[in-house]
Amino acid sequence: MKTKVRKKSKLKLLHQYYSYTGFYTYVGNSLKKTIIPIVFIILILYLFNKYVFTIEDGLNFLTETFSKTGVLISFFISETLLGLIPPEIFIAWSKKTTSPIINLSILASLSYVGGILSFFIGKVILRINSVKNYLEIKMAKQLKNTSKWGGFLILIGALLPVPFSITCMAAGMIKYPLKGVVLFGLFRFVRFALYAWAIYSVVI
């Protein structure tokens, strides 16, 4: 009984801390901010699909024009350097390949490894004063949030449409423990599985 009471009180204190520090508000605002870009992307895709070329044609062009290795390298670079390209495009690409599940697994693994590499990039950046000072200004909010919420922010970055590599890089810059990034980053595989389930149902 005492153990259960302690666990409940600890969870309650944790909940109060995240409420007080604005963690839930941050997550809510992040979701709101991602809605507009997602709607915009869907609208663009719809217009392209109707008036320019179909999504299927676009994915077929991507598959036929670029080698699998080239696509995977481009994805890995993107996932390592601030998440420049939406991973959903690559998930859709994997559906058009001869081995969708295998390639999806490779994408998820590359994204995860890219996040870990971003963590080490963040640690190395601390040794370069000019880059460190620049990023500390550009990523001030991210660095502050990571120092407050740590692993849970990495989990959010892994699951939600928030740049995973930026979160991991910020973790490296504040010297957050690597084991936390490795552990919470595993939820990246969950995100890819859920997004693939949704995207695969649309892409024929």
N, C-alpha and C. Protein backbone atom coordinates (compact mmCIF):
# COMPACT_ATOMS: atom_id res chain seq x y z
N MET A 1 0.83 -1.21 0.00
CA MET A 1 0.00 0.00 0.00
C MET A 1 0.87 1.26 0.00
N LYS A 2 1.94 1.24 0.84
CA LYS A 2 2.80 2.40 0.93
C LYS A 2 3.47 2.69 -0.41
N THR A 3 3.86 1.59 -1.12
CA THR A 3 4.51 1.76 -2.42
C THR A 3 3.58 2.42 -3.41
N LYS A 4 2.31 1.99 -3.43
CA LYS A 4 1.33 2.56 -4.34
C LYS A 4 1.10 4.04 -4.04
N VAL A 5 1.02 4.36 -2.74
CA VAL A 5 0.80 5.75 -2.35
C VAL A 5 1.96 6.62 -2.80
N ARG A 6 3.20 6.09 -2.61
CA ARG A 6 4.38 6.83 -3.03
C ARG A 6 4.40 7.05 -4.53
N LYS A 7 4.03 6.00 -5.28
CA LYS A 7 4.02 6.12 -6.74
C LYS A 7 3.00 7.15 -7.19
N LYS A 8 1.84 7.11 -6.58
CA LYS A 8 0.79 8.06 -6.93
C LYS A 8 1.22 9.48 -6.61
N SER A 9 1.83 9.67 -5.44
CA SER A 9 2.25 11.01 -5.05
C SER A 9 3.36 11.52 -5.98
N LYS A 10 4.26 10.62 -6.39
CA LYS A 10 5.33 11.00 -7.30
C LYS A 10 4.79 11.40 -8.66
N LEU A 11 3.83 10.63 -9.16
CA LEU A 11 3.20 10.97 -10.43
C LEU A 11 2.44 12.29 -10.34
N LYS A 12 1.80 12.49 -9.19
CA LYS A 12 1.04 13.73 -8.98
C LYS A 12 1.98 14.92 -8.96
N LEU A 13 3.11 14.77 -8.28
CA LEU A 13 4.10 15.84 -8.23
C LEU A 13 4.67 16.12 -9.62
N LEU A 14 4.90 15.05 -10.38
CA LEU A 14 5.41 15.20 -11.75
C LEU A 14 4.41 15.94 -12.62
N HIS A 15 3.14 15.56 -12.47
CA HIS A 15 2.06 16.23 -13.21
C HIS A 15 1.99 17.71 -12.84
N GLN A 16 2.11 18.01 -11.57
CA GLN A 16 2.07 19.40 -11.11
C GLN A 16 3.25 20.19 -11.66
N TYR A 17 4.41 19.53 -11.70
CA TYR A 17 5.60 20.21 -12.22
C TYR A 17 5.43 20.57 -13.70
N TYR A 18 4.95 19.60 -14.49
CA TYR A 18 4.77 19.86 -15.92
C TYR A 18 3.67 20.88 -16.17
N SER A 19 2.67 20.90 -15.32
CA SER A 19 1.61 21.90 -15.44
C SER A 19 2.15 23.28 -15.12
N TYR A 20 2.93 23.35 -14.05
CA TYR A 20 3.48 24.63 -13.58
C TYR A 20 4.49 25.21 -14.58
N THR A 21 5.31 24.35 -15.15
CA THR A 21 6.35 24.82 -16.07
C THR A 21 5.85 25.03 -17.50
N GLY A 22 4.59 24.69 -17.75
CA GLY A 22 4.00 24.95 -19.06
C GLY A 22 4.24 23.88 -20.10
N PHE A 23 4.58 22.65 -19.65
CA PHE A 23 4.87 21.57 -20.59
C PHE A 23 3.64 21.22 -21.43
N TYR A 24 2.49 21.10 -20.78
CA TYR A 24 1.26 20.74 -21.50
C TYR A 24 0.85 21.85 -22.48
N THR A 25 1.07 23.09 -22.06
CA THR A 25 0.77 24.22 -22.94
C THR A 25 1.67 24.19 -24.16
N TYR A 26 2.94 23.86 -23.93
CA TYR A 26 3.91 23.78 -25.03
C TYR A 26 3.50 22.71 -26.04
N VAL A 27 3.11 21.55 -25.52
CA VAL A 27 2.68 20.46 -26.41
C VAL A 27 1.45 20.87 -27.20
N GLY A 28 0.50 21.50 -26.51
CA GLY A 28 -0.73 21.95 -27.18
C GLY A 28 -0.44 22.97 -28.25
N ASN A 29 0.42 23.94 -27.95
CA ASN A 29 0.78 24.97 -28.93
C ASN A 29 1.54 24.37 -30.11
N SER A 30 2.39 23.38 -29.83
CA SER A 30 3.14 22.72 -30.90
C SER A 30 2.20 22.01 -31.86
N LEU A 31 1.19 21.36 -31.30
CA LEU A 31 0.20 20.68 -32.13
C LEU A 31 -0.59 21.67 -32.97
N LYS A 32 -0.94 22.81 -32.35
CA LYS A 32 -1.69 23.85 -33.09
C LYS A 32 -0.85 24.40 -34.23
N LYS A 33 0.44 24.62 -33.95
CA LYS A 33 1.32 25.17 -34.97
C LYS A 33 1.52 24.22 -36.14
N THR A 34 1.44 22.92 -35.86
CA THR A 34 1.67 21.95 -36.93
C THR A 34 0.42 21.73 -37.78
N ILE A 35 -0.74 22.11 -37.25
CA ILE A 35 -1.98 21.91 -37.99
C ILE A 35 -1.98 22.71 -39.28
N ILE A 36 -1.58 24.01 -39.19
CA ILE A 36 -1.59 24.88 -40.38
C ILE A 36 -0.65 24.36 -41.47
N PRO A 37 0.62 24.03 -41.16
CA PRO A 37 1.49 23.48 -42.21
C PRO A 37 0.97 22.18 -42.80
N ILE A 38 0.40 21.32 -41.94
CA ILE A 38 -0.14 20.04 -42.42
C ILE A 38 -1.30 20.27 -43.38
N VAL A 39 -2.21 21.18 -43.00
CA VAL A 39 -3.35 21.52 -43.87
C VAL A 39 -2.84 22.12 -45.18
N PHE A 40 -1.81 22.98 -45.08
CA PHE A 40 -1.24 23.61 -46.26
C PHE A 40 -0.64 22.56 -47.20
N ILE A 41 0.11 21.63 -46.62
CA ILE A 41 0.73 20.57 -47.42
C ILE A 41 -0.33 19.70 -48.09
N ILE A 42 -1.39 19.37 -47.33
CA ILE A 42 -2.48 18.56 -47.89
C ILE A 42 -3.15 19.29 -49.04
N LEU A 43 -3.35 20.61 -48.88
CA LEU A 43 -3.98 21.42 -49.92
C LEU A 43 -3.10 21.45 -51.17
N ILE A 44 -1.79 21.65 -50.99
CA ILE A 44 -0.87 21.68 -52.12
C ILE A 44 -0.87 20.33 -52.84
N LEU A 45 -0.83 19.26 -52.05
CA LEU A 45 -0.85 17.92 -52.65
C LEU A 45 -2.15 17.68 -53.42
N TYR A 46 -3.25 18.16 -52.85
CA TYR A 46 -4.55 18.00 -53.52
C TYR A 46 -4.56 18.75 -54.86
N LEU A 47 -4.06 20.00 -54.86
CA LEU A 47 -4.05 20.80 -56.08
C LEU A 47 -3.12 20.20 -57.13
N PHE A 48 -1.95 19.73 -56.67
CA PHE A 48 -1.03 19.07 -57.59
C PHE A 48 -1.64 17.80 -58.15
N ASN A 49 -2.30 17.06 -57.27
CA ASN A 49 -2.92 15.80 -57.67
C ASN A 49 -4.02 16.02 -58.70
N LYS A 50 -4.70 17.16 -58.61
CA LYS A 50 -5.84 17.43 -59.49
C LYS A 50 -5.45 18.15 -60.78
N TYR A 51 -4.51 19.11 -60.67
CA TYR A 51 -4.24 19.97 -61.82
C TYR A 51 -2.85 19.78 -62.45
N VAL A 52 -1.90 19.25 -61.74
CA VAL A 52 -0.54 19.13 -62.28
C VAL A 52 -0.20 17.67 -62.58
N PHE A 53 0.06 16.91 -61.55
CA PHE A 53 0.27 15.47 -61.71
C PHE A 53 -0.17 14.78 -60.43
N THR A 54 -0.53 13.53 -60.57
CA THR A 54 -1.06 12.81 -59.42
C THR A 54 0.05 12.48 -58.43
N ILE A 55 -0.33 12.25 -57.20
CA ILE A 55 0.64 11.86 -56.18
C ILE A 55 1.32 10.56 -56.59
N GLU A 56 0.53 9.69 -57.17
CA GLU A 56 1.08 8.40 -57.62
C GLU A 56 2.16 8.62 -58.67
N ASP A 57 1.91 9.55 -59.61
CA ASP A 57 2.90 9.85 -60.65
C ASP A 57 4.16 10.43 -60.03
N GLY A 58 3.96 11.31 -59.03
CA GLY A 58 5.10 11.93 -58.37
C GLY A 58 5.96 10.90 -57.64
N LEU A 59 5.32 9.99 -56.93
CA LEU A 59 6.06 8.96 -56.21
C LEU A 59 6.72 7.99 -57.17
N ASN A 60 6.03 7.67 -58.28
CA ASN A 60 6.62 6.80 -59.29
C ASN A 60 7.85 7.46 -59.92
N PHE A 61 7.75 8.78 -60.15
CA PHE A 61 8.88 9.53 -60.69
C PHE A 61 10.05 9.50 -59.72
N LEU A 62 9.77 9.69 -58.44
CA LEU A 62 10.82 9.65 -57.42
C LEU A 62 11.49 8.28 -57.36
N THR A 63 10.65 7.24 -57.43
CA THR A 63 11.16 5.87 -57.35
C THR A 63 11.99 5.50 -58.57
N GLU A 64 11.52 5.94 -59.75
CA GLU A 64 12.18 5.57 -61.00
C GLU A 64 13.41 6.43 -61.30
N THR A 65 13.42 7.69 -60.80
CA THR A 65 14.49 8.62 -61.13
C THR A 65 15.69 8.47 -60.20
N PHE A 66 15.41 8.30 -58.92
CA PHE A 66 16.49 8.25 -57.93
C PHE A 66 16.68 6.84 -57.41
N SER A 67 17.91 6.50 -57.18
CA SER A 67 18.21 5.17 -56.64
C SER A 67 17.78 5.10 -55.18
N LYS A 68 17.57 3.88 -54.72
CA LYS A 68 17.18 3.68 -53.33
C LYS A 68 18.25 4.24 -52.39
N THR A 69 19.50 4.00 -52.74
CA THR A 69 20.61 4.50 -51.92
C THR A 69 20.60 6.02 -51.85
N GLY A 70 20.35 6.67 -52.99
CA GLY A 70 20.32 8.13 -53.04
C GLY A 70 19.21 8.70 -52.17
N VAL A 71 18.03 8.07 -52.23
CA VAL A 71 16.89 8.53 -51.43
C VAL A 71 17.20 8.38 -49.93
N LEU A 72 17.75 7.23 -49.56
CA LEU A 72 18.05 6.96 -48.16
C LEU A 72 19.13 7.89 -47.61
N ILE A 73 20.14 8.19 -48.43
CA ILE A 73 21.20 9.12 -48.01
C ILE A 73 20.62 10.52 -47.81
N SER A 74 19.76 10.95 -48.75
CA SER A 74 19.12 12.27 -48.64
C SER A 74 18.28 12.35 -47.37
N PHE A 75 17.57 11.27 -47.07
CA PHE A 75 16.73 11.22 -45.88
C PHE A 75 17.59 11.29 -44.61
N PHE A 76 18.68 10.54 -44.59
CA PHE A 76 19.54 10.51 -43.42
C PHE A 76 20.15 11.88 -43.14
N ILE A 77 20.59 12.55 -44.21
CA ILE A 77 21.15 13.91 -44.06
C ILE A 77 20.10 14.85 -43.51
N SER A 78 18.88 14.75 -44.05
CA SER A 78 17.79 15.61 -43.59
C SER A 78 17.47 15.37 -42.12
N GLU A 79 17.41 14.10 -41.73
CA GLU A 79 17.06 13.76 -40.35
C GLU A 79 18.18 14.09 -39.36
N THR A 80 19.39 14.24 -39.87
CA THR A 80 20.52 14.59 -39.01
C THR A 80 20.67 16.10 -38.88
N LEU A 81 20.40 16.81 -39.97
CA LEU A 81 20.57 18.26 -39.99
C LEU A 81 19.24 18.98 -39.95
N LEU A 82 18.65 19.03 -38.78
CA LEU A 82 17.47 19.86 -38.48
C LEU A 82 16.17 19.42 -39.15
N GLY A 83 16.09 18.23 -39.70
CA GLY A 83 14.84 17.73 -40.27
C GLY A 83 14.33 18.59 -41.40
N LEU A 84 15.16 18.81 -42.41
CA LEU A 84 14.84 19.75 -43.49
C LEU A 84 13.68 19.30 -44.37
N ILE A 85 13.54 17.99 -44.57
CA ILE A 85 12.48 17.45 -45.44
C ILE A 85 11.51 16.63 -44.60
N PRO A 86 10.18 16.86 -44.76
CA PRO A 86 9.19 16.09 -43.99
C PRO A 86 9.36 14.59 -44.22
N PRO A 87 9.50 13.79 -43.16
CA PRO A 87 9.69 12.34 -43.33
C PRO A 87 8.49 11.65 -43.97
N GLU A 88 7.33 12.31 -43.95
CA GLU A 88 6.14 11.71 -44.55
C GLU A 88 6.33 11.44 -46.04
N ILE A 89 7.11 12.30 -46.70
CA ILE A 89 7.38 12.11 -48.13
C ILE A 89 8.12 10.80 -48.35
N PHE A 90 9.07 10.51 -47.50
CA PHE A 90 9.86 9.29 -47.63
C PHE A 90 9.05 8.05 -47.22
N ILE A 91 8.15 8.24 -46.26
CA ILE A 91 7.28 7.12 -45.87
C ILE A 91 6.38 6.74 -47.06
N ALA A 92 5.85 7.77 -47.73
CA ALA A 92 5.03 7.51 -48.92
C ALA A 92 5.87 6.84 -50.01
N TRP A 93 7.12 7.28 -50.14
CA TRP A 93 8.03 6.67 -51.13
C TRP A 93 8.22 5.19 -50.84
N SER A 94 8.37 4.83 -49.57
CA SER A 94 8.62 3.43 -49.21
C SER A 94 7.48 2.52 -49.65
N LYS A 95 6.25 3.07 -49.67
CA LYS A 95 5.10 2.27 -50.09
C LYS A 95 5.20 1.86 -51.56
N LYS A 96 5.90 2.67 -52.36
CA LYS A 96 6.01 2.40 -53.80
C LYS A 96 7.20 1.51 -54.14
N THR A 97 7.97 1.15 -53.15
CA THR A 97 9.13 0.28 -53.41
C THR A 97 8.70 -1.19 -53.40
N THR A 98 9.61 -2.05 -53.81
CA THR A 98 9.30 -3.48 -53.87
C THR A 98 9.21 -4.13 -52.48
N SER A 99 9.85 -3.49 -51.49
CA SER A 99 9.81 -4.02 -50.11
C SER A 99 9.44 -2.90 -49.15
N PRO A 100 8.17 -2.51 -49.10
CA PRO A 100 7.73 -1.37 -48.30
C PRO A 100 8.10 -1.45 -46.82
N ILE A 101 7.82 -2.59 -46.19
CA ILE A 101 8.06 -2.72 -44.74
C ILE A 101 9.55 -2.66 -44.42
N ILE A 102 10.35 -3.32 -45.25
CA ILE A 102 11.81 -3.30 -45.03
C ILE A 102 12.35 -1.88 -45.16
N ASN A 103 11.93 -1.19 -46.22
CA ASN A 103 12.41 0.17 -46.44
C ASN A 103 11.87 1.13 -45.38
N LEU A 104 10.65 0.90 -44.92
CA LEU A 104 10.11 1.72 -43.83
C LEU A 104 10.95 1.52 -42.57
N SER A 105 11.32 0.29 -42.30
CA SER A 105 12.15 -0.02 -41.13
C SER A 105 13.51 0.65 -41.24
N ILE A 106 14.05 0.67 -42.45
CA ILE A 106 15.34 1.33 -42.68
C ILE A 106 15.19 2.83 -42.44
N LEU A 107 14.10 3.43 -42.93
CA LEU A 107 13.86 4.86 -42.73
C LEU A 107 13.76 5.20 -41.24
N ALA A 108 13.00 4.40 -40.51
CA ALA A 108 12.83 4.63 -39.07
C ALA A 108 14.17 4.52 -38.35
N SER A 109 14.97 3.53 -38.75
CA SER A 109 16.29 3.34 -38.13
C SER A 109 17.23 4.50 -38.44
N LEU A 110 17.20 4.97 -39.69
CA LEU A 110 18.03 6.10 -40.08
C LEU A 110 17.62 7.37 -39.33
N SER A 111 16.32 7.55 -39.16
CA SER A 111 15.82 8.71 -38.43
C SER A 111 16.29 8.67 -36.97
N TYR A 112 16.22 7.49 -36.38
CA TYR A 112 16.65 7.31 -35.00
C TYR A 112 18.15 7.57 -34.86
N VAL A 113 18.92 6.97 -35.75
CA VAL A 113 20.38 7.17 -35.72
C VAL A 113 20.73 8.63 -36.01
N GLY A 114 19.96 9.25 -36.92
CA GLY A 114 20.18 10.67 -37.22
C GLY A 114 19.99 11.54 -35.99
N GLY A 115 18.98 11.19 -35.18
CA GLY A 115 18.75 11.93 -33.95
C GLY A 115 19.90 11.77 -32.97
N ILE A 116 20.41 10.55 -32.85
CA ILE A 116 21.56 10.30 -31.97
C ILE A 116 22.78 11.08 -32.45
N LEU A 117 22.98 11.08 -33.77
CA LEU A 117 24.11 11.83 -34.34
C LEU A 117 23.94 13.33 -34.08
N SER A 118 22.70 13.82 -34.17
CA SER A 118 22.43 15.23 -33.88
C SER A 118 22.80 15.57 -32.44
N PHE A 119 22.58 14.61 -31.54
CA PHE A 119 22.94 14.79 -30.14
C PHE A 119 24.44 15.04 -30.01
N PHE A 120 25.24 14.24 -30.72
CA PHE A 120 26.70 14.40 -30.65
C PHE A 120 27.15 15.68 -31.35
N ILE A 121 26.42 16.07 -32.41
CA ILE A 121 26.72 17.34 -33.08
C ILE A 121 26.52 18.48 -32.09
N GLY A 122 25.43 18.38 -31.30
CA GLY A 122 25.17 19.39 -30.28
C GLY A 122 26.29 19.49 -29.27
N LYS A 123 26.86 18.34 -28.90
CA LYS A 123 27.97 18.33 -27.94
C LYS A 123 29.23 18.95 -28.55
N VAL A 124 29.48 18.65 -29.83
CA VAL A 124 30.67 19.17 -30.51
C VAL A 124 30.55 20.68 -30.70
N ILE A 125 29.33 21.15 -30.97
CA ILE A 125 29.09 22.58 -31.20
C ILE A 125 29.56 23.42 -30.02
N LEU A 126 29.49 22.85 -28.82
CA LEU A 126 29.90 23.58 -27.62
C LEU A 126 31.37 24.00 -27.68
N ARG A 127 32.16 23.32 -28.51
CA ARG A 127 33.59 23.63 -28.61
C ARG A 127 33.88 24.73 -29.63
N ILE A 128 32.88 25.06 -30.45
CA ILE A 128 33.05 26.10 -31.47
C ILE A 128 32.26 27.33 -31.03
N ASN A 129 32.95 28.31 -30.48
CA ASN A 129 32.29 29.44 -29.84
C ASN A 129 31.35 30.20 -30.76
N SER A 130 31.77 30.45 -32.01
CA SER A 130 30.94 31.23 -32.93
C SER A 130 29.63 30.51 -33.25
N VAL A 131 29.74 29.21 -33.53
CA VAL A 131 28.54 28.41 -33.84
C VAL A 131 27.69 28.25 -32.59
N LYS A 132 28.34 28.03 -31.45
CA LYS A 132 27.63 27.87 -30.18
C LYS A 132 26.82 29.12 -29.87
N ASN A 133 27.44 30.28 -29.98
CA ASN A 133 26.75 31.53 -29.67
C ASN A 133 25.58 31.77 -30.61
N TYR A 134 25.77 31.43 -31.90
CA TYR A 134 24.70 31.61 -32.89
C TYR A 134 23.51 30.71 -32.57
N LEU A 135 23.79 29.44 -32.32
CA LEU A 135 22.71 28.49 -32.06
C LEU A 135 22.05 28.73 -30.71
N GLU A 136 22.80 29.23 -29.75
CA GLU A 136 22.21 29.53 -28.45
C GLU A 136 21.17 30.63 -28.57
N ILE A 137 21.36 31.52 -29.55
CA ILE A 137 20.38 32.58 -29.79
C ILE A 137 19.21 32.03 -30.60
N LYS A 138 19.53 31.29 -31.66
CA LYS A 138 18.48 30.75 -32.55
C LYS A 138 17.65 29.68 -31.86
N MET A 139 18.27 28.92 -30.97
CA MET A 139 17.60 27.80 -30.31
C MET A 139 17.39 28.05 -28.82
N ALA A 140 17.34 29.31 -28.44
CA ALA A 140 17.23 29.66 -27.02
C ALA A 140 16.02 29.01 -26.36
N LYS A 141 14.88 29.08 -27.00
CA LYS A 141 13.66 28.51 -26.43
C LYS A 141 13.76 27.00 -26.33
N GLN A 142 14.28 26.38 -27.40
CA GLN A 142 14.43 24.92 -27.41
C GLN A 142 15.38 24.45 -26.32
N LEU A 143 16.47 25.18 -26.14
CA LEU A 143 17.46 24.83 -25.11
C LEU A 143 16.86 24.97 -23.72
N LYS A 144 16.09 26.02 -23.52
CA LYS A 144 15.45 26.25 -22.22
C LYS A 144 14.45 25.15 -21.91
N ASN A 145 13.64 24.81 -22.91
CA ASN A 145 12.62 23.76 -22.71
C ASN A 145 13.27 22.40 -22.46
N THR A 146 14.35 22.11 -23.19
CA THR A 146 15.02 20.83 -23.01
C THR A 146 15.62 20.71 -21.61
N SER A 147 16.17 21.81 -21.12
CA SER A 147 16.76 21.78 -19.78
C SER A 147 15.69 21.58 -18.72
N LYS A 148 14.45 22.05 -18.98
CA LYS A 148 13.36 21.90 -18.01
C LYS A 148 12.73 20.52 -18.07
N TRP A 149 12.50 20.02 -19.29
CA TRP A 149 11.67 18.82 -19.45
C TRP A 149 12.44 17.59 -19.91
N GLY A 150 13.65 17.79 -20.40
CA GLY A 150 14.52 16.67 -20.73
C GLY A 150 13.90 15.59 -21.59
N GLY A 151 13.86 14.38 -21.02
CA GLY A 151 13.44 13.20 -21.75
C GLY A 151 12.05 13.28 -22.34
N PHE A 152 11.12 13.91 -21.62
CA PHE A 152 9.75 13.99 -22.14
C PHE A 152 9.68 14.86 -23.39
N LEU A 153 10.54 15.88 -23.48
CA LEU A 153 10.56 16.70 -24.68
C LEU A 153 11.13 15.91 -25.85
N ILE A 154 12.11 15.06 -25.58
CA ILE A 154 12.66 14.19 -26.63
C ILE A 154 11.59 13.22 -27.09
N LEU A 155 10.81 12.71 -26.16
CA LEU A 155 9.70 11.80 -26.51
C LEU A 155 8.70 12.51 -27.42
N ILE A 156 8.37 13.77 -27.08
CA ILE A 156 7.45 14.56 -27.90
C ILE A 156 8.04 14.77 -29.29
N GLY A 157 9.36 15.06 -29.34
CA GLY A 157 10.03 15.26 -30.62
C GLY A 157 10.03 14.00 -31.47
N ALA A 158 10.09 12.85 -30.79
CA ALA A 158 10.10 11.57 -31.51
C ALA A 158 8.73 11.21 -32.07
N LEU A 159 7.67 11.59 -31.34
CA LEU A 159 6.32 11.19 -31.72
C LEU A 159 5.57 12.21 -32.57
N LEU A 160 5.70 13.49 -32.25
CA LEU A 160 4.90 14.53 -32.89
C LEU A 160 5.66 15.20 -34.03
N PRO A 161 4.94 15.97 -34.87
CA PRO A 161 5.60 16.68 -35.98
C PRO A 161 6.47 17.84 -35.50
N VAL A 162 7.37 17.55 -34.59
CA VAL A 162 8.36 18.52 -34.10
C VAL A 162 9.72 17.99 -34.54
N PRO A 163 10.59 18.85 -35.14
CA PRO A 163 11.89 18.37 -35.63
C PRO A 163 12.65 17.57 -34.56
N PHE A 164 12.78 16.29 -34.78
CA PHE A 164 13.43 15.39 -33.83
C PHE A 164 14.91 15.73 -33.67
N SER A 165 15.56 16.05 -34.79
CA SER A 165 17.00 16.33 -34.74
C SER A 165 17.31 17.59 -33.94
N ILE A 166 16.43 18.61 -34.02
CA ILE A 166 16.64 19.84 -33.27
C ILE A 166 16.56 19.56 -31.77
N THR A 167 15.58 18.74 -31.38
CA THR A 167 15.42 18.37 -29.98
C THR A 167 16.65 17.62 -29.48
N CYS A 168 17.14 16.69 -30.29
CA CYS A 168 18.33 15.91 -29.89
C CYS A 168 19.57 16.78 -29.85
N MET A 169 19.68 17.71 -30.80
CA MET A 169 20.82 18.61 -30.81
C MET A 169 20.82 19.49 -29.57
N ALA A 170 19.64 19.98 -29.20
CA ALA A 170 19.52 20.80 -27.99
C ALA A 170 19.91 19.99 -26.76
N ALA A 171 19.52 18.71 -26.75
CA ALA A 171 19.88 17.83 -25.63
C ALA A 171 21.40 17.70 -25.51
N GLY A 172 22.06 17.60 -26.65
CA GLY A 172 23.52 17.52 -26.65
C GLY A 172 24.17 18.80 -26.16
N MET A 173 23.57 19.93 -26.51
CA MET A 173 24.13 21.22 -26.13
C MET A 173 23.99 21.49 -24.64
N ILE A 174 22.97 20.93 -24.00
CA ILE A 174 22.81 21.14 -22.56
C ILE A 174 23.41 19.98 -21.76
N LYS A 175 24.09 19.08 -22.48
CA LYS A 175 24.74 17.92 -21.86
C LYS A 175 23.75 16.99 -21.17
N TYR A 176 22.61 16.78 -21.82
CA TYR A 176 21.63 15.83 -21.31
C TYR A 176 22.20 14.41 -21.48
N PRO A 177 21.94 13.50 -20.55
CA PRO A 177 22.51 12.14 -20.64
C PRO A 177 22.14 11.42 -21.94
N LEU A 178 23.12 10.79 -22.56
CA LEU A 178 22.90 10.08 -23.82
C LEU A 178 21.86 8.97 -23.66
N LYS A 179 21.88 8.27 -22.52
CA LYS A 179 20.96 7.15 -22.34
C LYS A 179 19.50 7.60 -22.41
N GLY A 180 19.23 8.85 -22.00
CA GLY A 180 17.87 9.38 -22.10
C GLY A 180 17.45 9.57 -23.54
N VAL A 181 18.37 10.08 -24.37
CA VAL A 181 18.10 10.28 -25.80
C VAL A 181 17.89 8.93 -26.48
N VAL A 182 18.74 7.97 -26.14
CA VAL A 182 18.65 6.62 -26.72
C VAL A 182 17.31 5.96 -26.36
N LEU A 183 16.91 6.11 -25.10
CA LEU A 183 15.67 5.48 -24.62
C LEU A 183 14.43 6.15 -25.18
N PHE A 184 14.29 7.45 -24.96
CA PHE A 184 13.08 8.16 -25.42
C PHE A 184 13.03 8.25 -26.93
N GLY A 185 14.19 8.23 -27.57
CA GLY A 185 14.22 8.30 -29.03
C GLY A 185 13.63 7.07 -29.70
N LEU A 186 13.52 5.97 -28.98
CA LEU A 186 12.94 4.74 -29.54
C LEU A 186 11.49 4.94 -29.97
N PHE A 187 10.84 5.95 -29.41
CA PHE A 187 9.45 6.22 -29.80
C PHE A 187 9.37 6.73 -31.24
N ARG A 188 10.53 7.02 -31.82
CA ARG A 188 10.57 7.40 -33.24
C ARG A 188 10.03 6.26 -34.11
N PHE A 189 10.30 5.03 -33.71
CA PHE A 189 9.81 3.87 -34.45
C PHE A 189 8.28 3.79 -34.38
N VAL A 190 7.73 4.18 -33.24
CA VAL A 190 6.26 4.19 -33.07
C VAL A 190 5.65 5.20 -34.03
N ARG A 191 6.26 6.37 -34.12
CA ARG A 191 5.73 7.40 -35.03
C ARG A 191 5.73 6.92 -36.48
N PHE A 192 6.83 6.32 -36.90
CA PHE A 192 6.91 5.86 -38.29
C PHE A 192 5.87 4.77 -38.57
N ALA A 193 5.63 3.91 -37.59
CA ALA A 193 4.63 2.86 -37.77
C ALA A 193 3.23 3.46 -37.90
N LEU A 194 2.91 4.43 -37.06
CA LEU A 194 1.58 5.06 -37.09
C LEU A 194 1.38 5.87 -38.38
N TYR A 195 2.42 6.63 -38.76
CA TYR A 195 2.30 7.44 -39.97
C TYR A 195 2.22 6.54 -41.21
N ALA A 196 2.96 5.44 -41.21
CA ALA A 196 2.92 4.51 -42.33
C ALA A 196 1.52 3.89 -42.45
N TRP A 197 0.93 3.55 -41.32
CA TRP A 197 -0.42 2.98 -41.33
C TRP A 197 -1.40 3.93 -42.00
N ALA A 198 -1.26 5.24 -41.71
CA ALA A 198 -2.15 6.25 -42.29
C ALA A 198 -1.83 6.49 -43.76
N ILE A 199 -0.55 6.66 -44.07
CA ILE A 199 -0.13 6.99 -45.43
C ILE A 199 -0.32 5.82 -46.39
N TYR A 200 -0.03 4.62 -45.93
CA TYR A 200 -0.17 3.44 -46.78
C TYR A 200 -1.62 3.22 -47.20
N SER A 201 -2.56 3.66 -46.37
CA SER A 201 -3.97 3.50 -46.70
C SER A 201 -4.42 4.46 -47.80
N VAL A 202 -3.61 5.50 -48.02
CA VAL A 202 -3.94 6.50 -49.04
C VAL A 202 -3.18 6.22 -50.34
N VAL A 203 -1.89 5.89 -50.19
CA VAL A 203 -1.06 5.62 -51.37
C VAL A 203 -1.32 4.19 -51.85
N ILE A 204 -1.69 4.07 -53.10
CA ILE A 204 -1.99 2.75 -53.69
C ILE A 204 -0.71 2.12 -54.20
